[in-house]
């Protein structure tokens, strides 16, 4: 997939499904790009996957800049998306632009922010200033203090209607993509039909234009409990632990170095 975002719009029109995955460093980003992933997200999930935090709230803009810069060095073909971290964009559209500019200078080609209707003005402001935006609705991890944890959203008819309204408003404001997390599959499919821009799902069923998962979940590296919607394609943690155990044993028994 070309880095040209217009090609994502074309893929939506043609019904071609696209794939996103998170990556936070050079080696994994290089592997994901070589494997043919269409997009790579430098997510603020790095706070949990890399730093061992219980949530994403402690991730700084400086950390996002750093990880975006090292991923960008590795990626040749995939679209590079970076999260605006908590506290870097909510105060005003001008604050959001300043933070977005820093991430784009670090190598991001599109930035992602969380929130529905309250973010419409910010999305419009950024879009008018050459910043491509992906809007994130549904389970927005930066709002877990309000949600009371990582809980599915849009489960009532009223909540589902708000999500649909938010998605339409965000697309009309200029969002180039809408990511939907942990919402009912029928709601995600309805949103996908209702807006002209590509939708990305995570725990939102098969009816979206693209899917995204966390790299550590896909590779079986999440040492904690992975979300129910994730799928591990390899038991990476067990394989790596086996290799490290063997190395330690070989050192103790003088089998290494020979």
C-alpha atoms as a PDB file:
ATOM      1  CA  UNK A   1       0.000   0.000   0.000  1.00  0.00           C
ATOM      2  CA  UNK A   2       1.292   3.396  -0.951  1.00  0.00           C
ATOM      3  CA  UNK A   3       1.920   5.999   1.715  1.00  0.00           C
ATOM      4  CA  UNK A   4      -0.486   8.235  -0.250  1.00  0.00           C
ATOM      5  CA  UNK A   5      -3.618   8.406   1.932  1.00  0.00           C
ATOM      6  CA  UNK A   6      -5.750   8.862  -1.196  1.00  0.00           C
ATOM      7  CA  UNK A   7      -4.972   5.236  -2.048  1.00  0.00           C
ATOM      8  CA  UNK A   8      -6.684   4.214   1.190  1.00  0.00           C
ATOM      9  CA  UNK A   9      -9.818   5.975  -0.030  1.00  0.00           C
ATOM     10  CA  UNK A  10      -9.518   4.035  -3.271  1.00  0.00           C
ATOM     11  CA  UNK A  11      -9.149   0.757  -1.376  1.00  0.00           C
ATOM     12  CA  UNK A  12     -12.382   1.525   0.498  1.00  0.00           C
ATOM     13  CA  UNK A  13     -14.239   2.202  -2.742  1.00  0.00           C
ATOM     14  CA  UNK A  14     -12.934  -1.053  -4.222  1.00  0.00           C
ATOM     15  CA  UNK A  15     -13.699  -3.080  -1.107  1.00  0.00           C
ATOM     16  CA  UNK A  16     -10.068  -4.076  -0.454  1.00  0.00           C
ATOM     17  CA  UNK A  17      -9.360  -4.851   3.198  1.00  0.00           C
ATOM     18  CA  UNK A  18      -6.271  -3.259   4.748  1.00  0.00           C
ATOM     19  CA  UNK A  19      -4.099  -4.184   7.722  1.00  0.00           C
ATOM     20  CA  UNK A  20      -2.553  -2.081  10.474  1.00  0.00           C
ATOM     21  CA  UNK A  21      -0.320  -3.184  13.318  1.00  0.00           C
ATOM     22  CA  UNK A  22       1.404  -1.330  16.119  1.00  0.00           C
ATOM     23  CA  UNK A  23       5.184  -1.115  16.245  1.00  0.00           C
ATOM     24  CA  UNK A  24       7.401   0.859  18.571  1.00  0.00           C
ATOM     25  CA  UNK A  25      10.979   0.175  17.469  1.00  0.00           C
ATOM     26  CA  UNK A  26      13.157  -0.236  14.391  1.00  0.00           C
ATOM     27  CA  UNK A  27      13.482  -4.065  14.148  1.00  0.00           C
ATOM     28  CA  UNK A  28       9.784  -4.851  14.547  1.00  0.00           C
ATOM     29  CA  UNK A  29       8.748  -1.973  12.270  1.00  0.00           C
ATOM     30  CA  UNK A  30      11.144  -3.222   9.617  1.00  0.00           C
ATOM     31  CA  UNK A  31       9.685  -6.733   9.854  1.00  0.00           C
ATOM     32  CA  UNK A  32       6.109  -5.465   9.688  1.00  0.00           C
ATOM     33  CA  UNK A  33       6.888  -3.350   6.640  1.00  0.00           C
ATOM     34  CA  UNK A  34       8.633  -6.261   4.903  1.00  0.00           C
ATOM     35  CA  UNK A  35       5.655  -8.512   5.702  1.00  0.00           C
ATOM     36  CA  UNK A  36       3.389  -6.219   3.707  1.00  0.00           C
ATOM     37  CA  UNK A  37       1.356  -4.528   6.441  1.00  0.00           C
ATOM     38  CA  UNK A  38      -0.471  -1.558   4.928  1.00  0.00           C
ATOM     39  CA  UNK A  39      -0.066   0.684   7.960  1.00  0.00           C
ATOM     40  CA  UNK A  40       2.009   0.895  11.118  1.00  0.00           C
ATOM     41  CA  UNK A  41       0.694   2.643  14.215  1.00  0.00           C
ATOM     42  CA  UNK A  42       3.081   4.009  16.798  1.00  0.00           C
ATOM     43  CA  UNK A  43       0.490   3.787  19.530  1.00  0.00           C
ATOM     44  CA  UNK A  44       0.541   5.253  22.993  1.00  0.00           C
ATOM     45  CA  UNK A  45      -0.060   1.608  23.900  1.00  0.00           C
ATOM     46  CA  UNK A  46       3.731   1.618  24.151  1.00  0.00           C
ATOM     47  CA  UNK A  47       3.140   2.761  27.732  1.00  0.00           C
ATOM     48  CA  UNK A  48       1.658  -0.659  28.440  1.00  0.00           C
ATOM     49  CA  UNK A  49       3.550  -2.890  25.995  1.00  0.00           C
ATOM     50  CA  UNK A  50       7.018  -1.338  26.367  1.00  0.00           C
ATOM     51  CA  UNK A  51       7.027   0.523  29.683  1.00  0.00           C
ATOM     52  CA  UNK A  52       4.858  -1.855  31.712  1.00  0.00           C
ATOM     53  CA  UNK A  53       2.333   0.768  32.791  1.00  0.00           C
ATOM     54  CA  UNK A  54      -1.271  -0.206  33.580  1.00  0.00           C
ATOM     55  CA  UNK A  55      -2.628   2.282  31.026  1.00  0.00           C
ATOM     56  CA  UNK A  56      -1.577   4.802  28.357  1.00  0.00           C
ATOM     57  CA  UNK A  57      -1.983   7.985  30.367  1.00  0.00           C
ATOM     58  CA  UNK A  58       1.662   8.425  31.362  1.00  0.00           C
ATOM     59  CA  UNK A  59       3.049   8.471  27.823  1.00  0.00           C
ATOM     60  CA  UNK A  60       4.635  11.812  26.907  1.00  0.00           C
ATOM     61  CA  UNK A  61       4.827  13.652  23.615  1.00  0.00           C
ATOM     62  CA  UNK A  62       8.621  13.336  23.783  1.00  0.00           C
ATOM     63  CA  UNK A  63       8.311   9.557  24.021  1.00  0.00           C
ATOM     64  CA  UNK A  64       5.954   9.488  21.049  1.00  0.00           C
ATOM     65  CA  UNK A  65       8.391  11.608  19.042  1.00  0.00           C
ATOM     66  CA  UNK A  66      11.264   9.268  19.849  1.00  0.00           C
ATOM     67  CA  UNK A  67       9.429   6.057  18.961  1.00  0.00           C
ATOM     68  CA  UNK A  68       7.950   7.620  15.826  1.00  0.00           C
ATOM     69  CA  UNK A  69      11.399   8.655  14.643  1.00  0.00           C
ATOM     70  CA  UNK A  70      12.933   5.193  15.035  1.00  0.00           C
ATOM     71  CA  UNK A  71       9.971   3.462  13.394  1.00  0.00           C
ATOM     72  CA  UNK A  72      10.041   5.917  10.483  1.00  0.00           C
ATOM     73  CA  UNK A  73      13.652   5.026   9.761  1.00  0.00           C
ATOM     74  CA  UNK A  74      12.635   1.407   9.204  1.00  0.00           C
ATOM     75  CA  UNK A  75       9.496   1.812   7.109  1.00  0.00           C
ATOM     76  CA  UNK A  76       9.582   2.096   3.328  1.00  0.00           C
ATOM     77  CA  UNK A  77       6.058   1.196   2.176  1.00  0.00           C
ATOM     78  CA  UNK A  78       3.533   1.232   5.020  1.00  0.00           C
ATOM     79  CA  UNK A  79       1.619   4.329   6.087  1.00  0.00           C
ATOM     80  CA  UNK A  80       2.956   5.645   9.406  1.00  0.00           C
ATOM     81  CA  UNK A  81       0.386   6.747  11.980  1.00  0.00           C
ATOM     82  CA  UNK A  82       1.269   8.133  15.413  1.00  0.00           C
ATOM     83  CA  UNK A  83      -0.892   8.733  18.468  1.00  0.00           C
ATOM     84  CA  UNK A  84      -1.240  12.125  20.070  1.00  0.00           C
ATOM     85  CA  UNK A  85      -0.720  11.238  23.748  1.00  0.00           C
ATOM     86  CA  UNK A  86      -2.954  12.249  26.630  1.00  0.00           C
ATOM     87  CA  UNK A  87      -2.590  15.926  27.515  1.00  0.00           C
ATOM     88  CA  UNK A  88      -0.990  16.975  24.236  1.00  0.00           C
ATOM     89  CA  UNK A  89      -4.081  18.052  22.257  1.00  0.00           C
ATOM     90  CA  UNK A  90      -7.209  18.420  24.379  1.00  0.00           C
ATOM     91  CA  UNK A  91      -6.678  21.988  25.586  1.00  0.00           C
ATOM     92  CA  UNK A  92      -7.113  23.717  22.239  1.00  0.00           C
ATOM     93  CA  UNK A  93      -6.830  23.140  18.478  1.00  0.00           C
ATOM     94  CA  UNK A  94      -3.624  25.201  18.525  1.00  0.00           C
ATOM     95  CA  UNK A  95      -2.101  22.869  21.117  1.00  0.00           C
ATOM     96  CA  UNK A  96      -3.130  19.903  18.970  1.00  0.00           C
ATOM     97  CA  UNK A  97      -1.469  21.442  15.913  1.00  0.00           C
ATOM     98  CA  UNK A  98       1.793  22.056  17.782  1.00  0.00           C
ATOM     99  CA  UNK A  99       1.889  18.452  18.983  1.00  0.00           C
ATOM    100  CA  UNK A 100       0.921  17.093  15.560  1.00  0.00           C
ATOM    101  CA  UNK A 101       3.663  19.102  13.877  1.00  0.00           C
ATOM    102  CA  UNK A 102       6.230  17.542  16.187  1.00  0.00           C
ATOM    103  CA  UNK A 103       5.051  14.012  15.372  1.00  0.00           C
ATOM    104  CA  UNK A 104       4.950  14.714  11.641  1.00  0.00           C
ATOM    105  CA  UNK A 105       8.474  16.126  11.737  1.00  0.00           C
ATOM    106  CA  UNK A 106       9.489  12.906  13.500  1.00  0.00           C
ATOM    107  CA  UNK A 107       8.099  10.864  10.595  1.00  0.00           C
ATOM    108  CA  UNK A 108       4.348  10.410  11.088  1.00  0.00           C
ATOM    109  CA  UNK A 109       2.197  10.724   7.981  1.00  0.00           C
ATOM    110  CA  UNK A 110      -1.096  10.838   9.860  1.00  0.00           C
ATOM    111  CA  UNK A 111      -1.840  11.479  13.534  1.00  0.00           C
ATOM    112  CA  UNK A 112      -4.528   9.872  15.668  1.00  0.00           C
ATOM    113  CA  UNK A 113      -6.517  11.517  18.429  1.00  0.00           C
ATOM    114  CA  UNK A 114      -9.210  10.146  20.714  1.00  0.00           C
ATOM    115  CA  UNK A 115     -12.707  11.466  21.169  1.00  0.00           C
ATOM    116  CA  UNK A 116     -15.983  12.061  19.372  1.00  0.00           C
ATOM    117  CA  UNK A 117     -18.001  15.265  19.108  1.00  0.00           C
ATOM    118  CA  UNK A 118     -15.691  17.324  21.379  1.00  0.00           C
ATOM    119  CA  UNK A 119     -12.878  16.778  18.887  1.00  0.00           C
ATOM    120  CA  UNK A 120     -14.738  17.932  15.766  1.00  0.00           C
ATOM    121  CA  UNK A 121     -13.395  21.498  15.982  1.00  0.00           C
ATOM    122  CA  UNK A 122      -9.848  20.229  16.499  1.00  0.00           C
ATOM    123  CA  UNK A 123     -10.083  17.830  13.555  1.00  0.00           C
ATOM    124  CA  UNK A 124     -11.292  20.652  11.310  1.00  0.00           C
ATOM    125  CA  UNK A 125      -8.503  22.931  12.543  1.00  0.00           C
ATOM    126  CA  UNK A 126      -5.815  20.328  11.871  1.00  0.00           C
ATOM    127  CA  UNK A 127      -7.231  19.307   8.503  1.00  0.00           C
ATOM    128  CA  UNK A 128      -7.198  22.937   7.357  1.00  0.00           C
ATOM    129  CA  UNK A 129      -3.499  23.071   8.233  1.00  0.00           C
ATOM    130  CA  UNK A 130      -2.270  20.060   6.267  1.00  0.00           C
ATOM    131  CA  UNK A 131      -2.394  17.575   9.150  1.00  0.00           C
ATOM    132  CA  UNK A 132      -4.085  14.282   8.179  1.00  0.00           C
ATOM    133  CA  UNK A 133      -6.111  12.999  11.142  1.00  0.00           C
ATOM    134  CA  UNK A 134      -7.461   9.620  12.187  1.00  0.00           C
ATOM    135  CA  UNK A 135     -10.265   9.987  14.745  1.00  0.00           C
ATOM    136  CA  UNK A 136     -10.541   7.279  17.421  1.00  0.00           C
ATOM    137  CA  UNK A 137     -13.981   6.526  18.890  1.00  0.00           C
ATOM    138  CA  UNK A 138     -15.563   3.801  20.995  1.00  0.00           C
ATOM    139  CA  UNK A 139     -13.268   2.511  23.705  1.00  0.00           C
ATOM    140  CA  UNK A 140     -10.772   5.355  23.907  1.00  0.00           C
ATOM    141  CA  UNK A 141      -8.033   4.225  26.328  1.00  0.00           C
ATOM    142  CA  UNK A 142      -7.163   7.767  27.372  1.00  0.00           C
ATOM    143  CA  UNK A 143     -10.674   8.013  28.870  1.00  0.00           C
ATOM    144  CA  UNK A 144     -10.563   4.889  31.036  1.00  0.00           C
ATOM    145  CA  UNK A 145     -10.890   6.950  34.212  1.00  0.00           C
ATOM    146  CA  UNK A 146     -14.303   8.041  32.925  1.00  0.00           C
ATOM    147  CA  UNK A 147     -15.216   4.572  31.658  1.00  0.00           C
ATOM    148  CA  UNK A 148     -14.092   2.814  34.827  1.00  0.00           C
ATOM    149  CA  UNK A 149     -11.750   0.527  32.914  1.00  0.00           C
ATOM    150  CA  UNK A 150     -11.318  -0.974  29.470  1.00  0.00           C
ATOM    151  CA  UNK A 151     -15.008  -1.551  28.731  1.00  0.00           C
ATOM    152  CA  UNK A 152     -16.870  -2.078  25.469  1.00  0.00           C
ATOM    153  CA  UNK A 153     -18.806   0.927  24.228  1.00  0.00           C
ATOM    154  CA  UNK A 154     -21.928   1.535  22.180  1.00  0.00           C
ATOM    155  CA  UNK A 155     -23.915  -1.313  23.704  1.00  0.00           C
ATOM    156  CA  UNK A 156     -27.222   0.562  24.056  1.00  0.00           C
ATOM    157  CA  UNK A 157     -29.215   2.006  21.136  1.00  0.00           C
ATOM    158  CA  UNK A 158     -28.567   5.523  22.452  1.00  0.00           C
ATOM    159  CA  UNK A 159     -24.819   4.964  22.788  1.00  0.00           C
ATOM    160  CA  UNK A 160     -24.667   3.362  19.339  1.00  0.00           C
ATOM    161  CA  UNK A 161     -26.502   6.323  17.803  1.00  0.00           C
ATOM    162  CA  UNK A 162     -24.015   8.728  19.402  1.00  0.00           C
ATOM    163  CA  UNK A 163     -21.095   6.792  17.941  1.00  0.00           C
ATOM    164  CA  UNK A 164     -22.629   6.932  14.462  1.00  0.00           C
ATOM    165  CA  UNK A 165     -23.305  10.660  14.808  1.00  0.00           C
ATOM    166  CA  UNK A 166     -19.773  11.278  16.064  1.00  0.00           C
ATOM    167  CA  UNK A 167     -18.205   9.349  13.188  1.00  0.00           C
ATOM    168  CA  UNK A 168     -20.203  11.262  10.593  1.00  0.00           C
ATOM    169  CA  UNK A 169     -19.352  14.610  12.209  1.00  0.00           C
ATOM    170  CA  UNK A 170     -15.648  13.768  12.417  1.00  0.00           C
ATOM    171  CA  UNK A 171     -15.529  12.683   8.768  1.00  0.00           C
ATOM    172  CA  UNK A 172     -17.332  15.850   7.721  1.00  0.00           C
ATOM    173  CA  UNK A 173     -14.803  17.885   9.721  1.00  0.00           C
ATOM    174  CA  UNK A 174     -11.990  16.396   7.667  1.00  0.00           C
ATOM    175  CA  UNK A 175     -10.871  13.210   9.422  1.00  0.00           C
ATOM    176  CA  UNK A 176      -9.167  10.995   6.839  1.00  0.00           C
ATOM    177  CA  UNK A 177      -9.867   7.786   8.799  1.00  0.00           C
ATOM    178  CA  UNK A 178     -11.964   6.708  11.761  1.00  0.00           C
ATOM    179  CA  UNK A 179     -10.724   4.030  14.146  1.00  0.00           C
ATOM    180  CA  UNK A 180     -13.358   2.208  16.196  1.00  0.00           C
ATOM    181  CA  UNK A 181     -12.372   0.182  19.233  1.00  0.00           C
ATOM    182  CA  UNK A 182     -14.433  -2.365  21.163  1.00  0.00           C
ATOM    183  CA  UNK A 183     -17.866  -1.528  19.779  1.00  0.00           C
ATOM    184  CA  UNK A 184     -20.589  -3.861  18.446  1.00  0.00           C
ATOM    185  CA  UNK A 185     -19.894  -5.250  14.993  1.00  0.00           C
ATOM    186  CA  UNK A 186     -23.212  -4.057  13.578  1.00  0.00           C
ATOM    187  CA  UNK A 187     -22.530  -0.493  14.762  1.00  0.00           C
ATOM    188  CA  UNK A 188     -19.041  -0.533  13.222  1.00  0.00           C
ATOM    189  CA  UNK A 189     -20.454  -1.849   9.945  1.00  0.00           C
ATOM    190  CA  UNK A 190     -23.127   0.871   9.922  1.00  0.00           C
ATOM    191  CA  UNK A 191     -20.484   3.553  10.487  1.00  0.00           C
ATOM    192  CA  UNK A 192     -18.370   2.079   7.694  1.00  0.00           C
ATOM    193  CA  UNK A 193     -21.337   2.368   5.320  1.00  0.00           C
ATOM    194  CA  UNK A 194     -22.187   5.866   6.532  1.00  0.00           C
ATOM    195  CA  UNK A 195     -18.890   7.686   6.011  1.00  0.00           C
ATOM    196  CA  UNK A 196     -16.755   8.085   2.871  1.00  0.00           C
ATOM    197  CA  UNK A 197     -13.386   7.668   4.614  1.00  0.00           C
ATOM    198  CA  UNK A 198     -11.769   4.362   5.605  1.00  0.00           C
ATOM    199  CA  UNK A 199     -12.644   2.826   8.951  1.00  0.00           C
ATOM    200  CA  UNK A 200     -10.235   0.808  11.086  1.00  0.00           C
ATOM    201  CA  UNK A 201     -11.517  -1.705  13.585  1.00  0.00           C
ATOM    202  CA  UNK A 202     -10.046  -3.268  16.708  1.00  0.00           C
ATOM    203  CA  UNK A 203     -12.514  -5.479  18.473  1.00  0.00           C
ATOM    204  CA  UNK A 204     -15.212  -4.050  16.217  1.00  0.00           C
ATOM    205  CA  UNK A 205     -16.031  -7.006  13.989  1.00  0.00           C
ATOM    206  CA  UNK A 206     -15.285  -7.763  10.329  1.00  0.00           C
ATOM    207  CA  UNK A 207     -17.330  -5.001   8.733  1.00  0.00           C
ATOM    208  CA  UNK A 208     -14.646  -2.288   8.791  1.00  0.00           C
ATOM    209  CA  UNK A 209     -12.354  -1.293   5.943  1.00  0.00           C
ATOM    210  CA  UNK A 210      -9.195  -2.163   7.891  1.00  0.00           C
ATOM    211  CA  UNK A 211      -8.114  -3.962  11.048  1.00  0.00           C
ATOM    212  CA  UNK A 212      -5.461  -3.069  13.603  1.00  0.00           C
ATOM    213  CA  UNK A 213      -3.939  -5.165  16.379  1.00  0.00           C
ATOM    214  CA  UNK A 214      -1.155  -4.680  18.878  1.00  0.00           C
ATOM    215  CA  UNK A 215       2.073  -6.315  17.696  1.00  0.00           C
ATOM    216  CA  UNK A 216       2.727  -8.006  21.041  1.00  0.00           C
ATOM    217  CA  UNK A 217      -0.696  -9.662  20.925  1.00  0.00           C
ATOM    218  CA  UNK A 218      -0.212 -10.925  17.358  1.00  0.00           C
ATOM    219  CA  UNK A 219       3.227 -12.382  18.173  1.00  0.00           C
ATOM    220  CA  UNK A 220       2.167 -13.862  21.498  1.00  0.00           C
ATOM    221  CA  UNK A 221       4.522 -11.561  23.410  1.00  0.00           C
ATOM    222  CA  UNK A 222       1.932 -10.085  25.751  1.00  0.00           C
ATOM    223  CA  UNK A 223       2.911 -11.544  29.108  1.00  0.00           C
ATOM    224  CA  UNK A 224      -0.359 -10.317  30.606  1.00  0.00           C
ATOM    225  CA  UNK A 225      -3.886 -11.216  29.543  1.00  0.00           C
ATOM    226  CA  UNK A 226      -4.482 -10.170  25.938  1.00  0.00           C
ATOM    227  CA  UNK A 227      -7.858  -8.665  24.948  1.00  0.00           C
ATOM    228  CA  UNK A 228     -10.486 -11.189  23.946  1.00  0.00           C
ATOM    229  CA  UNK A 229     -10.641  -9.841  20.388  1.00  0.00           C
ATOM    230  CA  UNK A 230      -6.900 -10.296  19.786  1.00  0.00           C
ATOM    231  CA  UNK A 231      -5.367 -13.301  18.066  1.00  0.00           C
ATOM    232  CA  UNK A 232      -1.857 -14.670  18.648  1.00  0.00           C
ATOM    233  CA  UNK A 233      -0.351 -16.113  15.483  1.00  0.00           C
ATOM    234  CA  UNK A 234       2.678 -17.515  17.304  1.00  0.00           C
ATOM    235  CA  UNK A 235       3.605 -18.183  20.930  1.00  0.00           C
ATOM    236  CA  UNK A 236       6.506 -15.780  20.788  1.00  0.00           C
ATOM    237  CA  UNK A 237       6.955 -15.412  24.544  1.00  0.00           C
ATOM    238  CA  UNK A 238       7.440 -19.162  25.022  1.00  0.00           C
ATOM    239  CA  UNK A 239       9.878 -19.414  22.102  1.00  0.00           C
ATOM    240  CA  UNK A 240      11.953 -16.494  23.345  1.00  0.00           C
ATOM    241  CA  UNK A 241      11.974 -17.732  26.923  1.00  0.00           C
ATOM    242  CA  UNK A 242      13.118 -21.132  25.717  1.00  0.00           C
ATOM    243  CA  UNK A 243      15.992 -19.545  23.790  1.00  0.00           C
ATOM    244  CA  UNK A 244      17.046 -17.367  26.731  1.00  0.00           C
ATOM    245  CA  UNK A 245      16.874 -20.305  29.138  1.00  0.00           C
ATOM    246  CA  UNK A 246      19.046 -22.374  26.800  1.00  0.00           C
ATOM    247  CA  UNK A 247      21.573 -19.550  26.511  1.00  0.00           C
ATOM    248  CA  UNK A 248      21.802 -19.186  30.299  1.00  0.00           C
ATOM    249  CA  UNK A 249      22.205 -22.957  30.657  1.00  0.00           C
ATOM    250  CA  UNK A 250      24.940 -23.079  28.016  1.00  0.00           C
ATOM    251  CA  UNK A 251      26.884 -20.343  29.807  1.00  0.00           C
ATOM    252  CA  UNK A 252      26.586 -22.132  33.146  1.00  0.00           C
ATOM    253  CA  UNK A 253      27.750 -25.437  31.623  1.00  0.00           C
ATOM    254  CA  UNK A 254      30.499 -23.829  29.515  1.00  0.00           C
ATOM    255  CA  UNK A 255      28.840 -24.878  26.267  1.00  0.00           C
ATOM    256  CA  UNK A 256      28.979 -21.211  25.292  1.00  0.00           C
ATOM    257  CA  UNK A 257      31.300 -19.816  24.181  1.00  0.00           C
ATOM    258  CA  UNK A 258      33.021 -22.805  22.699  1.00  0.00           C
END
